[in-house]
C-alpha atoms as a PDB file:
ATOM      1  CA  MET A   1     -33.641  17.296  34.658  1.00  0.00           C
ATOM      2  CA  GLY A   2     -30.759  18.859  36.590  1.00  0.00           C
ATOM      3  CA  GLY A   3     -29.559  22.381  35.940  1.00  0.00           C
ATOM      4  CA  LEU A   4     -26.775  22.881  33.409  1.00  0.00           C
ATOM      5  CA  VAL A   5     -23.414  23.974  34.738  1.00  0.00           C
ATOM      6  CA  LYS A   6     -22.259  27.144  33.027  1.00  0.00           C
ATOM      7  CA  PRO A   7     -18.688  26.717  31.685  1.00  0.00           C
ATOM      8  CA  ARG A   8     -16.232  29.098  33.265  1.00  0.00           C
ATOM      9  CA  TRP A   9     -15.204  30.450  29.854  1.00  0.00           C
ATOM     10  CA  LEU A  10     -18.651  31.994  29.432  1.00  0.00           C
ATOM     11  CA  GLY A  11     -17.758  34.701  31.934  1.00  0.00           C
ATOM     12  CA  LYS A  12     -17.687  38.306  30.758  1.00  0.00           C
ATOM     13  CA  THR A  13     -13.916  38.649  31.188  1.00  0.00           C
ATOM     14  CA  TYR A  14     -13.093  36.388  28.209  1.00  0.00           C
ATOM     15  CA  ASN A  15      -9.621  35.697  29.637  1.00  0.00           C
ATOM     16  CA  GLU A  16      -9.245  32.576  27.529  1.00  0.00           C
ATOM     17  CA  VAL A  17      -9.881  34.513  24.318  1.00  0.00           C
ATOM     18  CA  GLU A  18      -7.322  37.158  25.216  1.00  0.00           C
ATOM     19  CA  THR A  19      -4.775  34.518  26.242  1.00  0.00           C
ATOM     20  CA  TYR A  20      -5.232  32.620  22.991  1.00  0.00           C
ATOM     21  CA  LEU A  21      -4.883  35.724  20.819  1.00  0.00           C
ATOM     22  CA  GLU A  22      -1.709  36.673  22.696  1.00  0.00           C
ATOM     23  CA  HIS A  23      -0.390  33.111  22.330  1.00  0.00           C
ATOM     24  CA  LEU A  24      -0.701  33.419  18.543  1.00  0.00           C
ATOM     25  CA  VAL A  25       1.542  36.492  18.604  1.00  0.00           C
ATOM     26  CA  LEU A  26       3.996  35.773  21.404  1.00  0.00           C
ATOM     27  CA  LYS A  27       4.545  32.073  20.710  1.00  0.00           C
ATOM     28  CA  ASN A  28       3.640  31.568  17.051  1.00  0.00           C
ATOM     29  CA  ASN A  29       4.638  35.024  15.747  1.00  0.00           C
ATOM     30  CA  VAL A  30       1.663  35.201  13.384  1.00  0.00           C
ATOM     31  CA  ALA A  31       0.956  38.102  11.045  1.00  0.00           C
ATOM     32  CA  PRO A  32      -1.701  40.736  11.910  1.00  0.00           C
ATOM     33  CA  HIS A  33      -4.075  39.281   9.313  1.00  0.00           C
ATOM     34  CA  THR A  34      -3.818  35.790  10.860  1.00  0.00           C
ATOM     35  CA  GLN A  35      -4.555  37.146  14.329  1.00  0.00           C
ATOM     36  CA  ALA A  36      -7.477  39.177  12.981  1.00  0.00           C
ATOM     37  CA  THR A  37      -8.873  36.085  11.256  1.00  0.00           C
ATOM     38  CA  ALA A  38      -8.694  34.162  14.528  1.00  0.00           C
ATOM     39  CA  LEU A  39     -10.491  36.987  16.347  1.00  0.00           C
ATOM     40  CA  ASN A  40     -13.243  37.088  13.720  1.00  0.00           C
ATOM     41  CA  ALA A  41     -13.721  33.330  13.999  1.00  0.00           C
ATOM     42  CA  LEU A  42     -13.989  33.554  17.792  1.00  0.00           C
ATOM     43  CA  ALA A  43     -16.417  36.454  17.530  1.00  0.00           C
ATOM     44  CA  PHE A  44     -18.626  34.345  15.237  1.00  0.00           C
ATOM     45  CA  LEU A  45     -18.399  31.376  17.630  1.00  0.00           C
ATOM     46  CA  TYR A  46     -19.397  33.408  20.670  1.00  0.00           C
ATOM     47  CA  LYS A  47     -22.184  35.272  18.906  1.00  0.00           C
ATOM     48  CA  HIS A  48     -23.880  32.403  17.064  1.00  0.00           C
ATOM     49  CA  ILE A  49     -22.932  29.274  19.038  1.00  0.00           C
ATOM     50  CA  VAL A  50     -22.193  30.395  22.576  1.00  0.00           C
ATOM     51  CA  LYS A  51     -24.834  33.160  22.378  1.00  0.00           C
ATOM     52  CA  SER A  52     -22.627  35.571  24.308  1.00  0.00           C
ATOM     53  CA  GLU A  53     -21.003  38.250  22.166  1.00  0.00           C
ATOM     54  CA  LEU A  54     -17.380  39.146  22.794  1.00  0.00           C
ATOM     55  CA  SER A  55     -16.605  42.489  24.356  1.00  0.00           C
ATOM     56  CA  LEU A  56     -15.286  45.254  22.129  1.00  0.00           C
ATOM     57  CA  ASN A  57     -12.702  46.033  24.831  1.00  0.00           C
ATOM     58  CA  LEU A  58     -10.615  42.877  24.696  1.00  0.00           C
ATOM     59  CA  ASN A  59      -7.116  43.440  26.040  1.00  0.00           C
ATOM     60  CA  PHE A  60      -4.396  41.451  24.240  1.00  0.00           C
ATOM     61  CA  ALA A  61      -1.047  42.008  22.541  1.00  0.00           C
ATOM     62  CA  ARG A  62      -1.541  42.732  18.859  1.00  0.00           C
ATOM     63  CA  SER A  63       0.725  41.462  16.121  1.00  0.00           C
ATOM     64  CA  LYS A  64       3.103  44.054  14.698  1.00  0.00           C
ATOM     65  CA  ARG A  65       4.911  41.737  12.316  1.00  0.00           C
ATOM     66  CA  GLN A  66       5.289  43.365   8.934  1.00  0.00           C
ATOM     67  CA  ALA A  67       4.011  41.594   5.865  1.00  0.00           C
ATOM     68  CA  LYS A  68       6.677  39.867   3.782  1.00  0.00           C
ATOM     69  CA  LEU A  69       7.679  41.431   0.489  1.00  0.00           C
ATOM     70  CA  PRO A  70       6.680  39.148  -2.373  1.00  0.00           C
ATOM     71  CA  VAL A  71       9.338  37.187  -4.226  1.00  0.00           C
ATOM     72  CA  VAL A  72       9.054  37.953  -7.934  1.00  0.00           C
ATOM     73  CA  MET A  73      10.667  36.111 -10.831  1.00  0.00           C
ATOM     74  CA  THR A  74      11.923  37.811 -13.957  1.00  0.00           C
ATOM     75  CA  LYS A  75      10.291  36.827 -17.238  1.00  0.00           C
ATOM     76  CA  ASP A  76      13.386  34.847 -18.159  1.00  0.00           C
ATOM     77  CA  GLU A  77      13.227  32.984 -14.845  1.00  0.00           C
ATOM     78  CA  VAL A  78       9.566  32.130 -15.438  1.00  0.00           C
ATOM     79  CA  LYS A  79      10.387  30.868 -18.916  1.00  0.00           C
ATOM     80  CA  LEU A  80      13.289  28.764 -17.625  1.00  0.00           C
ATOM     81  CA  LEU A  81      11.285  27.330 -14.741  1.00  0.00           C
ATOM     82  CA  MET A  82       8.403  26.375 -17.033  1.00  0.00           C
ATOM     83  CA  THR A  83      10.753  24.269 -19.180  1.00  0.00           C
ATOM     84  CA  LYS A  84      11.547  22.117 -16.137  1.00  0.00           C
ATOM     85  CA  LEU A  85       7.915  21.164 -15.501  1.00  0.00           C
ATOM     86  CA  THR A  86       6.081  18.147 -16.910  1.00  0.00           C
ATOM     87  CA  LYS A  87       3.100  18.595 -19.232  1.00  0.00           C
ATOM     88  CA  ARG A  88       0.404  18.685 -16.534  1.00  0.00           C
ATOM     89  CA  TYR A  89       2.344  20.920 -14.175  1.00  0.00           C
ATOM     90  CA  TYR A  90       3.302  23.187 -17.072  1.00  0.00           C
ATOM     91  CA  LEU A  91      -0.373  23.938 -17.677  1.00  0.00           C
ATOM     92  CA  ILE A  92      -1.093  24.456 -13.978  1.00  0.00           C
ATOM     93  CA  ALA A  93       1.874  26.829 -13.608  1.00  0.00           C
ATOM     94  CA  GLY A  94       0.877  28.535 -16.849  1.00  0.00           C
ATOM     95  CA  LEU A  95      -2.559  29.330 -15.437  1.00  0.00           C
ATOM     96  CA  MET A  96      -1.122  30.604 -12.158  1.00  0.00           C
ATOM     97  CA  TYR A  97       1.311  32.884 -13.987  1.00  0.00           C
ATOM     98  CA  GLY A  98      -0.865  33.713 -16.992  1.00  0.00           C
ATOM     99  CA  SER A  99      -4.058  34.417 -15.044  1.00  0.00           C
ATOM    100  CA  GLY A 100      -2.834  35.212 -11.536  1.00  0.00           C
ATOM    101  CA  LEU A 101      -4.626  32.234 -10.001  1.00  0.00           C
ATOM    102  CA  ARG A 102      -3.951  30.833  -6.550  1.00  0.00           C
ATOM    103  CA  VAL A 103      -3.074  27.143  -6.298  1.00  0.00           C
ATOM    104  CA  MET A 104      -6.478  26.045  -4.987  1.00  0.00           C
ATOM    105  CA  GLU A 105      -8.290  28.237  -7.506  1.00  0.00           C
ATOM    106  CA  THR A 106      -6.391  26.423 -10.248  1.00  0.00           C
ATOM    107  CA  VAL A 107      -6.981  22.836  -9.152  1.00  0.00           C
ATOM    108  CA  GLN A 108     -10.660  23.544  -8.439  1.00  0.00           C
ATOM    109  CA  LEU A 109     -11.380  24.803 -11.964  1.00  0.00           C
ATOM    110  CA  ARG A 110     -14.208  23.022 -13.773  1.00  0.00           C
ATOM    111  CA  VAL A 111     -14.453  22.583 -17.541  1.00  0.00           C
ATOM    112  CA  GLN A 112     -17.282  25.113 -17.782  1.00  0.00           C
ATOM    113  CA  ASP A 113     -15.180  27.782 -16.041  1.00  0.00           C
ATOM    114  CA  ILE A 114     -13.062  28.234 -19.177  1.00  0.00           C
ATOM    115  CA  ASP A 115     -14.484  30.625 -21.767  1.00  0.00           C
ATOM    116  CA  PHE A 116     -12.478  30.078 -24.939  1.00  0.00           C
ATOM    117  CA  ASP A 117     -14.511  32.594 -26.952  1.00  0.00           C
ATOM    118  CA  TYR A 118     -13.821  35.535 -24.633  1.00  0.00           C
ATOM    119  CA  LYS A 119     -10.450  34.168 -23.494  1.00  0.00           C
ATOM    120  CA  CYS A 120     -11.252  34.386 -19.815  1.00  0.00           C
ATOM    121  CA  ILE A 121     -11.636  32.175 -16.761  1.00  0.00           C
ATOM    122  CA  ARG A 122     -14.428  32.385 -14.204  1.00  0.00           C
ATOM    123  CA  VAL A 123     -13.184  31.893 -10.662  1.00  0.00           C
ATOM    124  CA  TRP A 124     -15.895  30.893  -8.192  1.00  0.00           C
ATOM    125  CA  ASN A 125     -15.617  31.207  -4.421  1.00  0.00           C
ATOM    126  CA  GLY A 126     -12.023  32.371  -4.362  1.00  0.00           C
ATOM    127  CA  LYS A 127     -10.363  33.712  -1.231  1.00  0.00           C
ATOM    128  CA  GLY A 128     -12.982  35.559   0.804  1.00  0.00           C
ATOM    129  CA  ASN A 129     -15.660  33.529  -1.036  1.00  0.00           C
ATOM    130  CA  LYS A 130     -15.531  36.004  -3.937  1.00  0.00           C
ATOM    131  CA  HIS A 131     -16.145  35.438  -7.650  1.00  0.00           C
ATOM    132  CA  ARG A 132     -14.145  37.097 -10.416  1.00  0.00           C
ATOM    133  CA  ILE A 133     -13.237  36.862 -14.098  1.00  0.00           C
ATOM    134  CA  VAL A 134      -9.570  36.737 -15.100  1.00  0.00           C
ATOM    135  CA  THR A 135      -7.739  36.784 -18.396  1.00  0.00           C
ATOM    136  CA  LEU A 136      -6.726  33.625 -20.273  1.00  0.00           C
ATOM    137  CA  ALA A 137      -3.500  33.535 -22.278  1.00  0.00           C
ATOM    138  CA  SER A 138      -4.177  32.491 -25.876  1.00  0.00           C
ATOM    139  CA  GLU A 139      -1.003  30.404 -25.825  1.00  0.00           C
ATOM    140  CA  LEU A 140      -2.522  28.068 -23.217  1.00  0.00           C
ATOM    141  CA  ILE A 141      -5.716  27.346 -25.155  1.00  0.00           C
ATOM    142  CA  PRO A 142      -4.402  24.326 -27.160  1.00  0.00           C
ATOM    143  CA  ALA A 143      -3.066  22.696 -23.980  1.00  0.00           C
ATOM    144  CA  LEU A 144      -6.350  23.391 -22.180  1.00  0.00           C
ATOM    145  CA  ARG A 145      -8.382  21.848 -24.998  1.00  0.00           C
ATOM    146  CA  ASN A 146      -6.177  18.739 -24.893  1.00  0.00           C
ATOM    147  CA  GLN A 147      -6.584  18.563 -21.128  1.00  0.00           C
ATOM    148  CA  ILE A 148     -10.382  18.704 -21.453  1.00  0.00           C
ATOM    149  CA  VAL A 149     -10.232  15.816 -23.943  1.00  0.00           C
ATOM    150  CA  GLN A 150      -8.392  13.781 -21.288  1.00  0.00           C
ATOM    151  CA  VAL A 151     -10.995  14.801 -18.697  1.00  0.00           C
ATOM    152  CA  ASP A 152     -13.725  13.501 -21.010  1.00  0.00           C
ATOM    153  CA  GLU A 153     -11.859  10.205 -21.410  1.00  0.00           C
ATOM    154  CA  TYR A 154     -11.737   9.842 -17.626  1.00  0.00           C
ATOM    155  CA  LEU A 155     -15.449  10.645 -17.425  1.00  0.00           C
ATOM    156  CA  GLN A 156     -16.466   8.082 -20.052  1.00  0.00           C
ATOM    157  CA  LEU A 157     -14.466   5.451 -18.186  1.00  0.00           C
ATOM    158  CA  ASP A 158     -15.962   6.445 -14.812  1.00  0.00           C
ATOM    159  CA  ILE A 159     -19.537   6.361 -16.079  1.00  0.00           C
ATOM    160  CA  LYS A 160     -19.096   2.674 -16.887  1.00  0.00           C
ATOM    161  CA  ASN A 161     -18.353   2.098 -13.206  1.00  0.00           C
ATOM    162  CA  ASP A 162     -21.633   1.344 -11.399  1.00  0.00           C
ATOM    163  CA  GLN A 163     -20.213   2.715  -8.135  1.00  0.00           C
ATOM    164  CA  PHE A 164     -19.287   6.094  -9.626  1.00  0.00           C
ATOM    165  CA  SER A 165     -21.469   8.844  -8.106  1.00  0.00           C
ATOM    166  CA  GLY A 166     -20.267  11.730 -10.235  1.00  0.00           C
ATOM    167  CA  VAL A 167     -18.060  14.671  -9.335  1.00  0.00           C
ATOM    168  CA  TRP A 168     -18.651  16.574  -6.098  1.00  0.00           C
ATOM    169  CA  MET A 169     -20.987  19.562  -6.444  1.00  0.00           C
ATOM    170  CA  PRO A 170     -22.154  22.188  -3.940  1.00  0.00           C
ATOM    171  CA  HIS A 171     -25.171  20.847  -2.045  1.00  0.00           C
ATOM    172  CA  ALA A 172     -27.728  23.336  -3.416  1.00  0.00           C
ATOM    173  CA  LEU A 173     -26.636  22.767  -7.020  1.00  0.00           C
ATOM    174  CA  ALA A 174     -26.526  19.012  -6.516  1.00  0.00           C
ATOM    175  CA  LYS A 175     -30.192  19.094  -5.522  1.00  0.00           C
ATOM    176  CA  LYS A 176     -31.175  21.482  -8.322  1.00  0.00           C
ATOM    177  CA  TYR A 177     -29.271  19.620 -11.048  1.00  0.00           C
ATOM    178  CA  PRO A 178     -29.111  15.987  -9.841  1.00  0.00           C
ATOM    179  CA  SER A 179     -27.634  14.620 -13.087  1.00  0.00           C
ATOM    180  CA  ALA A 180     -25.123  17.419 -13.750  1.00  0.00           C
ATOM    181  CA  ASN A 181     -22.373  15.703 -11.732  1.00  0.00           C
ATOM    182  CA  LYS A 182     -21.819  13.263 -14.588  1.00  0.00           C
ATOM    183  CA  THR A 183     -21.636  15.870 -17.348  1.00  0.00           C
ATOM    184  CA  LEU A 184     -18.342  17.072 -18.817  1.00  0.00           C
ATOM    185  CA  ALA A 185     -19.045  20.716 -17.947  1.00  0.00           C
ATOM    186  CA  TRP A 186     -18.886  20.057 -14.205  1.00  0.00           C
ATOM    187  CA  GLN A 187     -15.759  17.885 -14.159  1.00  0.00           C
ATOM    188  CA  TYR A 188     -12.536  19.221 -12.694  1.00  0.00           C
ATOM    189  CA  ILE A 189     -10.006  20.239 -15.337  1.00  0.00           C
ATOM    190  CA  PHE A 190      -7.215  18.656 -13.294  1.00  0.00           C
ATOM    191  CA  PRO A 191      -8.753  15.406 -12.023  1.00  0.00           C
ATOM    192  CA  SER A 192      -7.086  12.985  -9.668  1.00  0.00           C
ATOM    193  CA  TYR A 193      -5.474   9.945 -11.248  1.00  0.00           C
ATOM    194  CA  LYS A 194      -7.732   7.631  -9.258  1.00  0.00           C
ATOM    195  CA  LEU A 195     -11.224   7.465  -7.820  1.00  0.00           C
ATOM    196  CA  ASN A 196     -11.676   8.281  -4.143  1.00  0.00           C
ATOM    197  CA  THR A 197     -14.272   7.826  -1.435  1.00  0.00           C
ATOM    198  CA  ASP A 198     -16.136  10.984  -0.460  1.00  0.00           C
ATOM    199  CA  PRO A 199     -15.400  11.350   3.298  1.00  0.00           C
ATOM    200  CA  GLU A 200     -18.822  12.922   3.913  1.00  0.00           C
ATOM    201  CA  THR A 201     -21.060  10.503   2.047  1.00  0.00           C
ATOM    202  CA  GLY A 202     -18.900   7.455   1.353  1.00  0.00           C
ATOM    203  CA  GLU A 203     -19.695   7.748  -2.365  1.00  0.00           C
ATOM    204  CA  ILE A 204     -17.107   7.050  -5.061  1.00  0.00           C
ATOM    205  CA  ARG A 205     -15.974  10.190  -6.917  1.00  0.00           C
ATOM    206  CA  ARG A 206     -13.052  11.569  -8.896  1.00  0.00           C
ATOM    207  CA  HIS A 207     -11.794  14.608  -7.040  1.00  0.00           C
ATOM    208  CA  HIS A 208      -9.364  17.258  -8.278  1.00  0.00           C
ATOM    209  CA  PHE A 209      -5.579  17.051  -8.306  1.00  0.00           C
ATOM    210  CA  HIS A 210      -4.042  17.450  -4.825  1.00  0.00           C
ATOM    211  CA  HIS A 211      -2.419  20.844  -4.331  1.00  0.00           C
ATOM    212  CA  THR A 212       0.585  19.501  -2.409  1.00  0.00           C
ATOM    213  CA  CYS A 213       1.806  17.752  -5.549  1.00  0.00           C
ATOM    214  CA  ILE A 214       2.161  21.148  -7.234  1.00  0.00           C
ATOM    215  CA  ARG A 215       4.420  22.462  -4.491  1.00  0.00           C
ATOM    216  CA  LYS A 216       6.657  19.405  -4.824  1.00  0.00           C
ATOM    217  CA  ALA A 217       6.793  19.736  -8.613  1.00  0.00           C
ATOM    218  CA  VAL A 218       7.681  23.436  -8.465  1.00  0.00           C
ATOM    219  CA  LYS A 219      10.343  22.792  -5.838  1.00  0.00           C
ATOM    220  CA  ALA A 220      11.945  20.137  -8.033  1.00  0.00           C
ATOM    221  CA  ALA A 221      11.770  22.424 -11.080  1.00  0.00           C
ATOM    222  CA  VAL A 222      13.421  25.287  -9.180  1.00  0.00           C
ATOM    223  CA  LYS A 223      16.280  22.975  -8.239  1.00  0.00           C
ATOM    224  CA  ALA A 224      16.611  21.678 -11.791  1.00  0.00           C
ATOM    225  CA  ALA A 225      16.664  25.242 -13.140  1.00  0.00           C
ATOM    226  CA  GLY A 226      19.367  26.257 -10.682  1.00  0.00           C
ATOM    227  CA  LEU A 227      17.349  29.203  -9.344  1.00  0.00           C
ATOM    228  CA  THR A 228      18.285  30.503  -5.889  1.00  0.00           C
ATOM    229  CA  LYS A 229      15.170  32.566  -5.115  1.00  0.00           C
ATOM    230  CA  GLN A 230      12.653  31.237  -2.587  1.00  0.00           C
ATOM    231  CA  ILE A 231      10.112  30.247  -5.236  1.00  0.00           C
ATOM    232  CA  THR A 232       6.797  28.563  -4.414  1.00  0.00           C
ATOM    233  CA  PRO A 233       3.667  28.054  -6.533  1.00  0.00           C
ATOM    234  CA  HIS A 234       2.356  31.388  -5.188  1.00  0.00           C
ATOM    235  CA  THR A 235       5.394  33.134  -6.706  1.00  0.00           C
ATOM    236  CA  PHE A 236       3.755  32.703 -10.122  1.00  0.00           C
ATOM    237  CA  ARG A 237       0.856  34.871  -8.913  1.00  0.00           C
ATOM    238  CA  HIS A 238       3.244  37.505  -7.532  1.00  0.00           C
ATOM    239  CA  SER A 239       5.095  37.531 -10.843  1.00  0.00           C
ATOM    240  CA  PHE A 240       1.832  37.844 -12.798  1.00  0.00           C
ATOM    241  CA  ALA A 241       0.881  40.981 -10.870  1.00  0.00           C
ATOM    242  CA  THR A 242       4.320  42.589 -11.107  1.00  0.00           C
ATOM    243  CA  HIS A 243       4.756  41.870 -14.813  1.00  0.00           C
ATOM    244  CA  LEU A 244       1.243  43.130 -15.511  1.00  0.00           C
ATOM    245  CA  LEU A 245       2.140  46.449 -13.882  1.00  0.00           C
ATOM    246  CA  GLN A 246       5.424  46.532 -15.783  1.00  0.00           C
ATOM    247  CA  SER A 247       3.529  46.159 -19.038  1.00  0.00           C
ATOM    248  CA  GLY A 248       1.516  49.307 -18.280  1.00  0.00           C
ATOM    249  CA  ALA A 249      -1.667  47.924 -16.685  1.00  0.00           C
ATOM    250  CA  ASP A 250      -3.225  50.258 -14.110  1.00  0.00           C
ATOM    251  CA  ILE A 251      -3.372  49.141 -10.504  1.00  0.00           C
ATOM    252  CA  ARG A 252      -7.187  48.883 -10.460  1.00  0.00           C
ATOM    253  CA  THR A 253      -7.054  46.364 -13.301  1.00  0.00           C
ATOM    254  CA  VAL A 254      -4.453  44.316 -11.435  1.00  0.00           C
ATOM    255  CA  GLN A 255      -6.560  44.532  -8.264  1.00  0.00           C
ATOM    256  CA  THR A 256      -9.574  43.147 -10.121  1.00  0.00           C
ATOM    257  CA  GLN A 257      -7.578  40.348 -11.726  1.00  0.00           C
ATOM    258  CA  LEU A 258      -6.120  39.291  -8.376  1.00  0.00           C
ATOM    259  CA  GLY A 259      -9.443  39.591  -6.544  1.00  0.00           C
ATOM    260  CA  HIS A 260      -8.149  41.913  -3.825  1.00  0.00           C
ATOM    261  CA  SER A 261     -10.812  43.713  -1.780  1.00  0.00           C
ATOM    262  CA  ASP A 262      -8.474  46.591  -0.931  1.00  0.00           C
ATOM    263  CA  VAL A 263      -6.201  48.282  -3.456  1.00  0.00           C
ATOM    264  CA  GLN A 264      -3.609  48.689  -0.698  1.00  0.00           C
ATOM    265  CA  THR A 265      -3.014  44.937  -0.874  1.00  0.00           C
ATOM    266  CA  THR A 266      -2.238  45.281  -4.583  1.00  0.00           C
ATOM    267  CA  GLN A 267       0.058  48.245  -4.038  1.00  0.00           C
ATOM    268  CA  ILE A 268       2.732  45.973  -2.577  1.00  0.00           C
ATOM    269  CA  TYR A 269       3.623  45.117  -6.187  1.00  0.00           C
ATOM    270  CA  THR A 270       4.114  48.774  -7.090  1.00  0.00           C
ATOM    271  CA  HIS A 271       6.548  48.979  -4.165  1.00  0.00           C
ATOM    272  CA  VAL A 272       8.564  46.129  -5.673  1.00  0.00           C
ATOM    273  CA  LEU A 273       8.873  48.093  -8.909  1.00  0.00           C
ATOM    274  CA  GLN A 274       9.396  51.546  -7.410  1.00  0.00           C
ATOM    275  CA  GLN A 275      12.034  50.549  -4.887  1.00  0.00           C
ATOM    276  CA  GLY A 276      14.152  48.536  -7.310  1.00  0.00           C
ATOM    277  CA  ALA A 277      15.834  49.358 -10.603  1.00  0.00           C
ATOM    278  CA  ASN A 278      12.569  50.675 -12.074  1.00  0.00           C
ATOM    279  CA  GLY A 279      12.263  53.393  -9.428  1.00  0.00           C
ATOM    280  CA  VAL A 280      15.602  54.166  -7.792  1.00  0.00           C
ATOM    281  CA  ILE A 281      18.902  54.312  -9.660  1.00  0.00           C
ATOM    282  CA  SER A 282      21.821  53.273  -7.485  1.00  0.00           C
ATOM    283  CA  PRO A 283      24.571  55.904  -7.200  1.00  0.00           C
ATOM    284  CA  PHE A 284      27.048  53.119  -7.968  1.00  0.00           C
ATOM    285  CA  SER A 285      25.565  52.970 -11.461  1.00  0.00           C
ATOM    286  CA  GLN A 286      26.541  56.602 -12.003  1.00  0.00           C
ATOM    287  CA  LEU A 287      30.233  56.246 -11.129  1.00  0.00           C
END
């Protein structure tokens, strides 16, 4: 067997890594966090796959782009926007605003993640692969119960289909509880309207609602409401945090609800309050 040729990018200079990280900044103008994420991914690749750890003395231009200030709706704007959403999107937006959930955290909710007794929601494997418990607005409980009834109707229909393989479950849990994928508890709260083929196994499943549909629905609702702010689904989460602080919640509570690792990330919402009408009175107002 002939000797293997060592790729040139395995050299100790790591020029390609430095060039790529600079490309992200100079050409794509990415934020510091995005560049750091790319570096961490490359470090993992070199350490565990290439078996040649990156040097700690990499020389590349670092991103200095400041993080964007969050767009926050007023309570009246939230109320108006919610009236322009259909029933399903109303509940999705209600959970994002009422519980501070991200879009993917919302669509990936399972029936068993809702605790009606303690009025909370369990979020599994959120951003950073973290778990947390968030509050549940009492006003959303009737709509959630109705949604779960619809989920059960879908399930009963799917079970009659001989090709139906149950909802997707994490591999370890699928092996431990082989029949759980056809129980109501494990079904997605916001299921897709149709069955789909699992791209990994080829099995027939009912996946969760696609997140891009939410962006389109919110965009249409913003237009219908006549709002001029740059509002996206994530704006509901920003508004949740800001309004929670306005209501007197301490920043540590908000940090826990949002699932932030560092309180400095949460403090951006205090800046929104302190630098606006809540913190600085314009001299024009005193004329």
